[in-house]
Amino acid sequence: FDKLFFTIGVRGIQVKLQEWYFVYHLIFVVLVTAVGRSVLTAVNTLIMQPMSASALLSASLPASSNFYLNYLVIQCLSSCFELTRIWNFTKYMFFRHRGYSWEEACKFSEPEDQDYYGIGSPRTPRA
Protein backbone atom coordinates (compact mmCIF):
# COMPACT_ATOMS: atom_id res chain seq x y z
CA PHE A 1 0.00 0.00 0.00
CA ASP A 2 2.92 2.31 0.69
CA LYS A 3 4.05 1.90 -2.95
CA LEU A 4 0.86 3.56 -4.25
CA PHE A 5 0.86 6.64 -2.04
CA PHE A 6 3.54 8.93 -0.69
CA THR A 7 3.23 8.68 3.08
CA ILE A 8 5.56 9.33 5.94
CA GLY A 9 5.52 6.52 8.45
CA VAL A 10 3.17 3.72 9.31
CA ARG A 11 0.53 6.07 10.71
CA GLY A 12 0.04 7.73 7.32
CA ILE A 13 -0.33 4.34 5.68
CA GLN A 14 -2.96 3.34 8.22
CA VAL A 15 -4.90 6.58 7.64
CA LYS A 16 -4.89 6.04 3.86
CA LEU A 17 -5.95 2.43 4.31
CA GLN A 18 -8.80 3.50 6.56
CA GLU A 19 -9.94 6.10 4.01
CA TRP A 20 -9.99 3.56 1.20
CA TYR A 21 -11.71 1.00 3.46
CA PHE A 22 -14.45 3.55 4.15
CA VAL A 23 -14.92 4.15 0.41
CA TYR A 24 -15.01 0.39 -0.18
CA HIS A 25 -17.72 -0.06 2.46
CA LEU A 26 -19.70 2.89 1.18
CA ILE A 27 -19.74 1.49 -2.35
CA PHE A 28 -20.04 -2.24 -1.80
CA VAL A 29 -22.12 -2.35 1.35
CA VAL A 30 -24.42 0.65 1.30
CA LEU A 31 -24.78 1.60 -2.36
CA VAL A 32 -24.89 -1.92 -3.79
CA THR A 33 -27.62 -2.90 -1.35
CA ALA A 34 -29.38 0.37 -2.12
CA VAL A 35 -29.29 -0.30 -5.86
CA GLY A 36 -31.31 -3.41 -5.32
CA ARG A 37 -31.25 -7.01 -6.37
CA SER A 38 -30.33 -6.46 -10.00
CA VAL A 39 -27.17 -4.47 -10.51
CA LEU A 40 -27.39 -4.92 -14.29
CA THR A 41 -30.87 -3.41 -14.41
CA ALA A 42 -29.72 -0.47 -12.31
CA VAL A 43 -26.66 0.09 -14.51
CA ASN A 44 -28.82 -0.12 -17.64
CA THR A 45 -31.25 2.41 -16.17
CA LEU A 46 -28.40 4.76 -15.27
CA ILE A 47 -26.89 4.49 -18.77
CA MET A 48 -30.22 5.23 -20.44
CA GLN A 49 -31.27 7.95 -17.97
CA PRO A 50 -28.25 9.33 -16.04
CA MET A 51 -30.38 11.88 -14.20
CA SER A 52 -32.44 9.11 -12.60
CA ALA A 53 -29.65 8.18 -10.16
CA SER A 54 -31.17 10.21 -7.34
CA ALA A 55 -34.61 8.69 -7.99
CA LEU A 56 -33.12 5.19 -7.95
CA LEU A 57 -31.33 5.82 -4.66
CA SER A 58 -34.32 7.57 -3.09
CA ALA A 59 -36.52 4.59 -3.91
CA SER A 60 -34.26 1.90 -2.46
CA LEU A 61 -31.96 3.59 0.07
CA PRO A 62 -34.50 3.90 2.93
CA ALA A 63 -35.05 0.14 3.09
CA SER A 64 -31.35 -0.70 3.09
CA SER A 65 -30.45 2.05 5.56
CA ASN A 66 -33.27 0.86 7.82
CA PHE A 67 -31.72 -2.61 7.74
CA TYR A 68 -28.32 -1.26 8.83
CA LEU A 69 -29.82 0.90 11.56
CA ASN A 70 -31.64 -2.14 12.93
CA TYR A 71 -28.41 -4.11 12.71
CA LEU A 72 -26.57 -1.50 14.78
CA VAL A 73 -29.27 -1.49 17.46
CA ILE A 74 -29.31 -5.29 17.67
CA GLN A 75 -25.51 -5.38 17.86
CA CYS A 76 -25.49 -2.90 20.77
CA LEU A 77 -28.23 -4.81 22.57
CA SER A 78 -26.43 -8.12 22.16
CA SER A 79 -23.25 -6.60 23.58
CA CYS A 80 -25.19 -5.22 26.56
CA PHE A 81 -26.86 -8.59 27.05
CA GLU A 82 -23.44 -10.26 27.02
CA LEU A 83 -22.07 -7.80 29.57
CA THR A 84 -24.87 -8.57 32.01
CA ARG A 85 -23.78 -12.24 32.03
CA ILE A 86 -27.42 -13.29 32.33
CA TRP A 87 -26.67 -16.94 31.56
CA ASN A 88 -24.14 -17.10 34.37
CA PHE A 89 -26.69 -15.61 36.74
CA THR A 90 -29.35 -18.06 35.55
CA LYS A 91 -27.03 -21.02 36.08
CA TYR A 92 -26.05 -19.66 39.50
CA MET A 93 -29.71 -19.36 40.56
CA PHE A 94 -30.42 -22.86 39.22
CA PHE A 95 -27.61 -24.40 41.29
CA ARG A 96 -28.57 -22.38 44.39
CA HIS A 97 -32.16 -23.58 43.99
CA ARG A 98 -30.91 -27.17 43.73
CA GLY A 99 -29.27 -26.84 47.17
CA TYR A 100 -25.63 -26.15 46.31
CA SER A 101 -23.65 -23.75 48.47
CA TRP A 102 -22.88 -20.33 47.01
CA GLU A 103 -19.23 -21.31 46.41
CA GLU A 104 -20.21 -24.40 44.45
CA ALA A 105 -22.90 -22.51 42.55
CA CYS A 106 -20.35 -19.83 41.60
CA LYS A 107 -17.90 -22.48 40.44
CA PHE A 108 -20.51 -24.28 38.33
CA SER A 109 -21.98 -21.12 36.83
CA GLU A 110 -18.73 -19.64 35.50
CA PRO A 111 -18.09 -20.09 31.76
CA GLU A 112 -15.99 -23.04 30.68
CA ASP A 113 -13.76 -20.99 28.38
CA GLN A 114 -13.02 -17.84 30.35
CA ASP A 115 -10.41 -16.65 27.88
CA TYR A 116 -13.10 -16.21 25.24
CA TYR A 117 -14.87 -13.25 26.84
CA GLY A 118 -11.91 -12.00 28.85
CA ILE A 119 -13.89 -12.32 32.09
CA GLY A 120 -11.92 -13.93 34.87
CA SER A 121 -8.93 -14.67 32.69
CA PRO A 122 -5.61 -15.09 34.51
CA ARG A 123 -4.15 -12.49 32.13
CA THR A 124 -6.74 -9.90 33.15
CA PRO A 125 -5.11 -7.07 35.13
CA ARG A 126 -6.46 -6.96 38.64
CA ALA A 127 -6.44 -4.13 41.12
C-alpha atoms as a PDB file:
ATOM      1  CA  PHE A   1       0.000   0.000   0.000  1.00  0.00           C
ATOM      2  CA  ASP A   2       2.917   2.314   0.685  1.00  0.00           C
ATOM      3  CA  LYS A   3       4.052   1.902  -2.951  1.00  0.00           C
ATOM      4  CA  LEU A   4       0.857   3.557  -4.248  1.00  0.00           C
ATOM      5  CA  PHE A   5       0.858   6.645  -2.035  1.00  0.00           C
ATOM      6  CA  PHE A   6       3.541   8.930  -0.694  1.00  0.00           C
ATOM      7  CA  THR A   7       3.226   8.684   3.079  1.00  0.00           C
ATOM      8  CA  ILE A   8       5.562   9.331   5.945  1.00  0.00           C
ATOM      9  CA  GLY A   9       5.516   6.518   8.451  1.00  0.00           C
ATOM     10  CA  VAL A  10       3.168   3.722   9.308  1.00  0.00           C
ATOM     11  CA  ARG A  11       0.534   6.074  10.707  1.00  0.00           C
ATOM     12  CA  GLY A  12       0.038   7.731   7.324  1.00  0.00           C
ATOM     13  CA  ILE A  13      -0.326   4.337   5.678  1.00  0.00           C
ATOM     14  CA  GLN A  14      -2.961   3.338   8.221  1.00  0.00           C
ATOM     15  CA  VAL A  15      -4.897   6.576   7.639  1.00  0.00           C
ATOM     16  CA  LYS A  16      -4.885   6.043   3.859  1.00  0.00           C
ATOM     17  CA  LEU A  17      -5.947   2.428   4.315  1.00  0.00           C
ATOM     18  CA  GLN A  18      -8.804   3.503   6.560  1.00  0.00           C
ATOM     19  CA  GLU A  19      -9.943   6.104   4.012  1.00  0.00           C
ATOM     20  CA  TRP A  20      -9.987   3.559   1.204  1.00  0.00           C
ATOM     21  CA  TYR A  21     -11.708   1.004   3.460  1.00  0.00           C
ATOM     22  CA  PHE A  22     -14.453   3.550   4.149  1.00  0.00           C
ATOM     23  CA  VAL A  23     -14.923   4.152   0.410  1.00  0.00           C
ATOM     24  CA  TYR A  24     -15.013   0.394  -0.175  1.00  0.00           C
ATOM     25  CA  HIS A  25     -17.718  -0.059   2.456  1.00  0.00           C
ATOM     26  CA  LEU A  26     -19.697   2.887   1.178  1.00  0.00           C
ATOM     27  CA  ILE A  27     -19.743   1.488  -2.346  1.00  0.00           C
ATOM     28  CA  PHE A  28     -20.038  -2.237  -1.800  1.00  0.00           C
ATOM     29  CA  VAL A  29     -22.122  -2.353   1.345  1.00  0.00           C
ATOM     30  CA  VAL A  30     -24.417   0.648   1.299  1.00  0.00           C
ATOM     31  CA  LEU A  31     -24.785   1.597  -2.355  1.00  0.00           C
ATOM     32  CA  VAL A  32     -24.894  -1.919  -3.789  1.00  0.00           C
ATOM     33  CA  THR A  33     -27.619  -2.903  -1.349  1.00  0.00           C
ATOM     34  CA  ALA A  34     -29.385   0.372  -2.119  1.00  0.00           C
ATOM     35  CA  VAL A  35     -29.292  -0.303  -5.859  1.00  0.00           C
ATOM     36  CA  GLY A  36     -31.312  -3.409  -5.319  1.00  0.00           C
ATOM     37  CA  ARG A  37     -31.246  -7.009  -6.372  1.00  0.00           C
ATOM     38  CA  SER A  38     -30.335  -6.465  -9.998  1.00  0.00           C
ATOM     39  CA  VAL A  39     -27.169  -4.473 -10.513  1.00  0.00           C
ATOM     40  CA  LEU A  40     -27.387  -4.919 -14.290  1.00  0.00           C
ATOM     41  CA  THR A  41     -30.872  -3.411 -14.407  1.00  0.00           C
ATOM     42  CA  ALA A  42     -29.723  -0.471 -12.309  1.00  0.00           C
ATOM     43  CA  VAL A  43     -26.656   0.093 -14.510  1.00  0.00           C
ATOM     44  CA  ASN A  44     -28.824  -0.118 -17.636  1.00  0.00           C
ATOM     45  CA  THR A  45     -31.252   2.414 -16.167  1.00  0.00           C
ATOM     46  CA  LEU A  46     -28.397   4.756 -15.268  1.00  0.00           C
ATOM     47  CA  ILE A  47     -26.891   4.486 -18.768  1.00  0.00           C
ATOM     48  CA  MET A  48     -30.222   5.233 -20.441  1.00  0.00           C
ATOM     49  CA  GLN A  49     -31.270   7.947 -17.969  1.00  0.00           C
ATOM     50  CA  PRO A  50     -28.253   9.329 -16.036  1.00  0.00           C
ATOM     51  CA  MET A  51     -30.376  11.878 -14.200  1.00  0.00           C
ATOM     52  CA  SER A  52     -32.438   9.109 -12.597  1.00  0.00           C
ATOM     53  CA  ALA A  53     -29.648   8.183 -10.158  1.00  0.00           C
ATOM     54  CA  SER A  54     -31.174  10.213  -7.337  1.00  0.00           C
ATOM     55  CA  ALA A  55     -34.610   8.693  -7.991  1.00  0.00           C
ATOM     56  CA  LEU A  56     -33.122   5.193  -7.954  1.00  0.00           C
ATOM     57  CA  LEU A  57     -31.331   5.818  -4.657  1.00  0.00           C
ATOM     58  CA  SER A  58     -34.315   7.573  -3.090  1.00  0.00           C
ATOM     59  CA  ALA A  59     -36.522   4.589  -3.912  1.00  0.00           C
ATOM     60  CA  SER A  60     -34.261   1.899  -2.462  1.00  0.00           C
ATOM     61  CA  LEU A  61     -31.962   3.586   0.066  1.00  0.00           C
ATOM     62  CA  PRO A  62     -34.503   3.898   2.929  1.00  0.00           C
ATOM     63  CA  ALA A  63     -35.052   0.138   3.090  1.00  0.00           C
ATOM     64  CA  SER A  64     -31.351  -0.697   3.087  1.00  0.00           C
ATOM     65  CA  SER A  65     -30.453   2.050   5.558  1.00  0.00           C
ATOM     66  CA  ASN A  66     -33.274   0.865   7.825  1.00  0.00           C
ATOM     67  CA  PHE A  67     -31.720  -2.612   7.743  1.00  0.00           C
ATOM     68  CA  TYR A  68     -28.321  -1.265   8.831  1.00  0.00           C
ATOM     69  CA  LEU A  69     -29.823   0.903  11.558  1.00  0.00           C
ATOM     70  CA  ASN A  70     -31.643  -2.136  12.926  1.00  0.00           C
ATOM     71  CA  TYR A  71     -28.408  -4.108  12.709  1.00  0.00           C
ATOM     72  CA  LEU A  72     -26.571  -1.501  14.783  1.00  0.00           C
ATOM     73  CA  VAL A  73     -29.270  -1.493  17.464  1.00  0.00           C
ATOM     74  CA  ILE A  74     -29.307  -5.292  17.667  1.00  0.00           C
ATOM     75  CA  GLN A  75     -25.505  -5.376  17.860  1.00  0.00           C
ATOM     76  CA  CYS A  76     -25.491  -2.901  20.766  1.00  0.00           C
ATOM     77  CA  LEU A  77     -28.234  -4.812  22.566  1.00  0.00           C
ATOM     78  CA  SER A  78     -26.432  -8.124  22.157  1.00  0.00           C
ATOM     79  CA  SER A  79     -23.251  -6.601  23.584  1.00  0.00           C
ATOM     80  CA  CYS A  80     -25.190  -5.224  26.558  1.00  0.00           C
ATOM     81  CA  PHE A  81     -26.858  -8.594  27.045  1.00  0.00           C
ATOM     82  CA  GLU A  82     -23.440 -10.259  27.021  1.00  0.00           C
ATOM     83  CA  LEU A  83     -22.072  -7.796  29.571  1.00  0.00           C
ATOM     84  CA  THR A  84     -24.874  -8.574  32.015  1.00  0.00           C
ATOM     85  CA  ARG A  85     -23.784 -12.238  32.026  1.00  0.00           C
ATOM     86  CA  ILE A  86     -27.419 -13.287  32.332  1.00  0.00           C
ATOM     87  CA  TRP A  87     -26.673 -16.944  31.563  1.00  0.00           C
ATOM     88  CA  ASN A  88     -24.140 -17.103  34.367  1.00  0.00           C
ATOM     89  CA  PHE A  89     -26.694 -15.609  36.737  1.00  0.00           C
ATOM     90  CA  THR A  90     -29.355 -18.063  35.555  1.00  0.00           C
ATOM     91  CA  LYS A  91     -27.034 -21.023  36.084  1.00  0.00           C
ATOM     92  CA  TYR A  92     -26.046 -19.660  39.500  1.00  0.00           C
ATOM     93  CA  MET A  93     -29.708 -19.355  40.560  1.00  0.00           C
ATOM     94  CA  PHE A  94     -30.421 -22.859  39.224  1.00  0.00           C
ATOM     95  CA  PHE A  95     -27.612 -24.399  41.290  1.00  0.00           C
ATOM     96  CA  ARG A  96     -28.568 -22.383  44.388  1.00  0.00           C
ATOM     97  CA  HIS A  97     -32.161 -23.585  43.989  1.00  0.00           C
ATOM     98  CA  ARG A  98     -30.905 -27.174  43.727  1.00  0.00           C
ATOM     99  CA  GLY A  99     -29.266 -26.840  47.168  1.00  0.00           C
ATOM    100  CA  TYR A 100     -25.631 -26.154  46.307  1.00  0.00           C
ATOM    101  CA  SER A 101     -23.652 -23.749  48.466  1.00  0.00           C
ATOM    102  CA  TRP A 102     -22.877 -20.326  47.009  1.00  0.00           C
ATOM    103  CA  GLU A 103     -19.227 -21.310  46.410  1.00  0.00           C
ATOM    104  CA  GLU A 104     -20.208 -24.400  44.450  1.00  0.00           C
ATOM    105  CA  ALA A 105     -22.905 -22.514  42.548  1.00  0.00           C
ATOM    106  CA  CYS A 106     -20.350 -19.830  41.604  1.00  0.00           C
ATOM    107  CA  LYS A 107     -17.900 -22.476  40.438  1.00  0.00           C
ATOM    108  CA  PHE A 108     -20.505 -24.284  38.325  1.00  0.00           C
ATOM    109  CA  SER A 109     -21.979 -21.121  36.831  1.00  0.00           C
ATOM    110  CA  GLU A 110     -18.732 -19.640  35.500  1.00  0.00           C
ATOM    111  CA  PRO A 111     -18.085 -20.090  31.764  1.00  0.00           C
ATOM    112  CA  GLU A 112     -15.992 -23.040  30.679  1.00  0.00           C
ATOM    113  CA  ASP A 113     -13.758 -20.989  28.380  1.00  0.00           C
ATOM    114  CA  GLN A 114     -13.024 -17.843  30.353  1.00  0.00           C
ATOM    115  CA  ASP A 115     -10.408 -16.652  27.878  1.00  0.00           C
ATOM    116  CA  TYR A 116     -13.103 -16.206  25.242  1.00  0.00           C
ATOM    117  CA  TYR A 117     -14.867 -13.253  26.842  1.00  0.00           C
ATOM    118  CA  GLY A 118     -11.909 -11.997  28.853  1.00  0.00           C
ATOM    119  CA  ILE A 119     -13.894 -12.318  32.087  1.00  0.00           C
ATOM    120  CA  GLY A 120     -11.921 -13.934  34.874  1.00  0.00           C
ATOM    121  CA  SER A 121      -8.934 -14.665  32.690  1.00  0.00           C
ATOM    122  CA  PRO A 122      -5.610 -15.093  34.508  1.00  0.00           C
ATOM    123  CA  ARG A 123      -4.147 -12.486  32.126  1.00  0.00           C
ATOM    124  CA  THR A 124      -6.742  -9.901  33.150  1.00  0.00           C
ATOM    125  CA  PRO A 125      -5.114  -7.065  35.125  1.00  0.00           C
ATOM    126  CA  ARG A 126      -6.455  -6.958  38.639  1.00  0.00           C
ATOM    127  CA  ALA A 127      -6.443  -4.129  41.121  1.00  0.00           C
END
